[in-house]
Amino acid sequence: MESVIHSLDEQIMLRTLQKGDADDLFLLIERNRSHLREWLPWIDGNTRVEHSIQFIEATQIQVNAGLGPVCGIFIDGNIQGVCGFHPYDSLSHSITLGYWLAKEYCGKNITTLCAKTLIHFAFESLRVNKVYLNVGVGNWASRKVATKLNMVNEGLIREGEFLNGRYHDLVSYSLLKREWLSLEKTKLF
């Protein structure tokens, strides 16, 4: 599998996940379990390194099929999060972005920078027409990322996610290719 690698600056790099990342990815999840559990429904099902291996294998299949990359966020050479896409919807020409970051790196604009890079990739390389981002109603940090990315609030997805034993509402944000092109032209993206 060919790696998607993009250096964002001298410290931050996005790279597609490889099987050799599984141990470090799992340890990162373990260290951040309580931080991640608030917003990510898969966290309680990731209890062994084998789960991280299975996740990485699934992302490799997705990448090889041309359905969008899932990248590790590497800071100073160490994995500190994940940013990528749920599989590309070829019928609607849309894709959904997802991400998470180690608690110690939150609030430093890293997620926005990574998301912006992958949105650019989606419009340029995958030729999608629309990028979605669905976040928990109370997840103000992710809602701020969507705002910084000039994404449009499309509304509420009622009880759109089952998390921690109950249903939660999500806010759906999106960015259209024509909006992105306009933002690129005016240097706002």
Protein backbone atom coordinates (compact mmCIF):
# COMPACT_ATOMS: atom_id res chain seq x y z
CA MET A 1 0.00 0.00 0.00
CA GLU A 2 1.24 3.44 -0.89
CA SER A 3 1.36 5.83 2.06
CA VAL A 4 -0.30 9.20 1.94
CA ILE A 5 2.16 11.50 3.65
CA HIS A 6 1.75 15.21 4.14
CA SER A 7 3.97 17.36 6.33
CA LEU A 8 1.97 20.24 7.77
CA ASP A 9 4.96 21.91 9.39
CA GLU A 10 8.29 20.89 10.89
CA GLN A 11 6.54 19.04 13.75
CA ILE A 12 3.21 17.75 12.38
CA MET A 13 2.75 15.08 9.74
CA LEU A 14 -0.27 13.18 8.44
CA ARG A 15 0.47 9.63 7.28
CA THR A 16 -1.78 6.73 6.42
CA LEU A 17 -1.78 4.17 9.19
CA GLN A 18 0.41 1.06 8.89
CA LYS A 19 0.25 -2.19 10.88
CA GLY A 20 3.46 -1.16 12.64
CA ASP A 21 1.52 1.74 14.21
CA ALA A 22 -0.87 -0.56 16.09
CA ASP A 23 0.98 -0.77 19.41
CA ASP A 24 1.56 2.99 19.62
CA LEU A 25 -2.01 3.71 18.52
CA PHE A 26 -3.43 1.43 21.18
CA LEU A 27 -1.21 2.92 23.90
CA LEU A 28 -2.34 6.40 22.84
CA ILE A 29 -5.97 5.33 23.10
CA GLU A 30 -5.30 3.81 26.53
CA ARG A 31 -3.70 7.04 27.80
CA ASN A 32 -6.61 9.12 26.45
CA ARG A 33 -9.50 6.74 27.08
CA SER A 34 -11.46 9.01 29.47
CA HIS A 35 -10.86 12.04 27.23
CA LEU A 36 -12.04 10.19 24.11
CA ARG A 37 -14.95 8.34 25.70
CA GLU A 38 -17.06 11.49 25.95
CA TRP A 39 -17.51 11.78 22.16
CA LEU A 40 -16.40 8.55 20.46
CA PRO A 41 -18.75 5.55 20.48
CA TRP A 42 -16.07 3.02 19.49
CA ILE A 43 -13.78 3.65 22.46
CA ASP A 44 -15.26 0.96 24.75
CA GLY A 45 -14.91 -1.63 21.98
CA ASN A 46 -11.19 -0.94 21.57
CA THR A 47 -9.72 -2.88 24.47
CA ARG A 48 -6.78 -4.77 22.95
CA VAL A 49 -3.97 -4.10 20.46
CA GLU A 50 -5.79 -6.51 18.12
CA HIS A 51 -8.63 -3.98 17.84
CA SER A 52 -6.17 -1.33 16.68
CA ILE A 53 -4.73 -3.81 14.17
CA GLN A 54 -8.23 -4.52 12.83
CA PHE A 55 -8.93 -0.80 12.54
CA ILE A 56 -5.68 -0.21 10.65
CA GLU A 57 -6.38 -3.13 8.30
CA ALA A 58 -9.84 -1.69 7.56
CA THR A 59 -8.33 1.72 6.82
CA GLN A 60 -5.81 0.13 4.45
CA ILE A 61 -8.62 -1.58 2.53
CA GLN A 62 -10.45 1.76 2.33
CA VAL A 63 -7.35 3.60 1.08
CA ASN A 64 -6.55 0.88 -1.48
CA ALA A 65 -10.12 1.07 -2.79
CA GLY A 66 -9.77 4.83 -3.32
CA LEU A 67 -12.44 5.61 -0.72
CA GLY A 68 -10.43 8.15 1.26
CA PRO A 69 -7.43 8.13 3.55
CA VAL A 70 -7.35 7.64 7.30
CA CYS A 71 -4.14 9.14 8.67
CA GLY A 72 -2.30 9.13 11.91
CA ILE A 73 -1.47 12.59 13.23
CA PHE A 74 2.23 12.43 14.05
CA ILE A 75 3.77 15.16 16.19
CA ASP A 76 7.54 15.07 16.51
CA GLY A 77 7.42 11.54 15.07
CA ASN A 78 4.91 10.14 17.57
CA ILE A 79 1.29 9.29 16.83
CA GLN A 80 -0.99 11.69 18.72
CA GLY A 81 -4.32 11.20 16.98
CA VAL A 82 -6.19 10.19 13.86
CA CYS A 83 -7.77 12.27 11.10
CA GLY A 84 -9.46 10.77 8.10
CA PHE A 85 -12.59 9.87 6.24
CA HIS A 86 -15.38 7.40 6.50
CA PRO A 87 -15.65 5.68 3.09
CA TYR A 88 -16.45 7.85 0.07
CA ASP A 89 -20.06 7.75 -1.10
CA SER A 90 -19.73 7.49 -4.88
CA LEU A 91 -23.47 7.94 -5.49
CA SER A 92 -23.69 11.33 -3.79
CA HIS A 93 -20.01 12.28 -4.34
CA SER A 94 -19.66 13.03 -0.65
CA ILE A 95 -17.42 11.99 2.19
CA THR A 96 -17.53 12.36 5.98
CA LEU A 97 -14.55 13.59 7.97
CA GLY A 98 -13.66 12.32 11.42
CA TYR A 99 -10.80 12.94 13.84
CA TRP A 100 -9.54 12.73 17.38
CA LEU A 101 -6.46 14.05 19.12
CA ALA A 102 -4.60 13.33 22.35
CA LYS A 103 -5.81 15.59 25.14
CA GLU A 104 -2.44 17.30 25.61
CA TYR A 105 -2.55 18.63 22.02
CA CYS A 106 -6.15 19.86 21.99
CA GLY A 107 -6.76 23.60 21.67
CA LYS A 108 -3.60 24.19 19.63
CA ASN A 109 -5.21 24.41 16.16
CA ILE A 110 -3.74 21.02 15.18
CA THR A 111 -7.10 19.39 14.45
CA THR A 112 -8.18 22.31 12.27
CA LEU A 113 -4.91 22.19 10.33
CA CYS A 114 -5.20 18.43 9.78
CA ALA A 115 -8.86 18.63 8.80
CA LYS A 116 -8.16 21.49 6.39
CA THR A 117 -5.40 19.44 4.73
CA LEU A 118 -7.64 16.43 4.27
CA ILE A 119 -10.56 18.53 3.02
CA HIS A 120 -8.24 19.96 0.38
CA PHE A 121 -7.22 16.38 -0.51
CA ALA A 122 -10.88 15.33 -0.78
CA PHE A 123 -11.79 18.09 -3.21
CA GLU A 124 -8.58 17.89 -5.26
CA SER A 125 -7.73 14.19 -5.33
CA LEU A 126 -10.96 12.36 -4.56
CA ARG A 127 -13.04 14.87 -6.53
CA VAL A 128 -15.88 14.91 -4.03
CA ASN A 129 -18.58 17.55 -4.15
CA LYS A 130 -19.34 17.65 -0.43
CA VAL A 131 -17.48 17.02 2.82
CA TYR A 132 -19.51 16.35 5.97
CA LEU A 133 -18.54 16.63 9.61
CA ASN A 134 -21.00 15.33 12.22
CA VAL A 135 -20.33 16.26 15.84
CA GLY A 136 -22.07 15.91 19.18
CA VAL A 137 -24.27 18.90 20.03
CA GLY A 138 -22.23 19.62 23.15
CA ASN A 139 -18.84 19.03 21.54
CA TRP A 140 -17.92 22.70 21.38
CA ALA A 141 -14.30 22.04 20.43
CA SER A 142 -15.32 20.16 17.26
CA ARG A 143 -18.04 22.67 16.51
CA LYS A 144 -15.35 25.37 16.67
CA VAL A 145 -13.24 23.38 14.18
CA ALA A 146 -16.21 23.27 11.79
CA THR A 147 -16.63 27.04 12.11
CA LYS A 148 -12.93 27.68 11.49
CA LEU A 149 -13.21 25.55 8.34
CA ASN A 150 -16.12 27.72 7.12
CA MET A 151 -18.43 24.71 7.14
CA VAL A 152 -22.17 25.32 7.03
CA ASN A 153 -24.39 24.05 9.86
CA GLU A 154 -26.94 21.89 8.05
CA GLY A 155 -28.92 21.14 11.17
CA LEU A 156 -29.58 18.54 13.80
CA ILE A 157 -29.39 14.78 13.39
CA ARG A 158 -31.71 13.74 16.18
CA GLU A 159 -30.42 10.81 18.24
CA GLY A 160 -27.84 10.27 15.52
CA GLU A 161 -25.35 8.42 17.68
CA PHE A 162 -25.52 5.81 20.42
CA LEU A 163 -22.85 6.65 22.95
CA ASN A 164 -22.28 5.65 26.57
CA GLY A 165 -25.60 3.85 26.85
CA ARG A 166 -27.88 6.47 25.33
CA TYR A 167 -28.69 8.29 22.11
CA HIS A 168 -27.16 11.69 21.40
CA ASP A 169 -28.02 14.40 18.93
CA LEU A 170 -25.44 15.44 16.37
CA VAL A 171 -24.92 18.64 14.44
CA SER A 172 -24.20 18.10 10.76
CA TYR A 173 -21.79 20.50 9.07
CA SER A 174 -20.74 20.48 5.44
CA LEU A 175 -18.62 22.24 2.87
CA LEU A 176 -19.38 22.14 -0.85
CA LYS A 177 -16.71 22.09 -3.51
CA ARG A 178 -17.92 25.42 -4.95
CA GLU A 179 -17.71 27.01 -1.48
CA TRP A 180 -14.22 25.61 -1.00
CA LEU A 181 -13.13 26.93 -4.42
CA SER A 182 -14.44 30.37 -3.45
CA LEU A 183 -12.60 30.21 -0.11
CA GLU A 184 -9.41 29.09 -1.87
CA LYS A 185 -9.70 31.94 -4.35
CA THR A 186 -10.05 34.51 -1.58
CA LYS A 187 -7.30 32.84 0.50
CA LEU A 188 -9.72 32.17 3.36
CA PHE A 189 -8.97 28.44 3.27
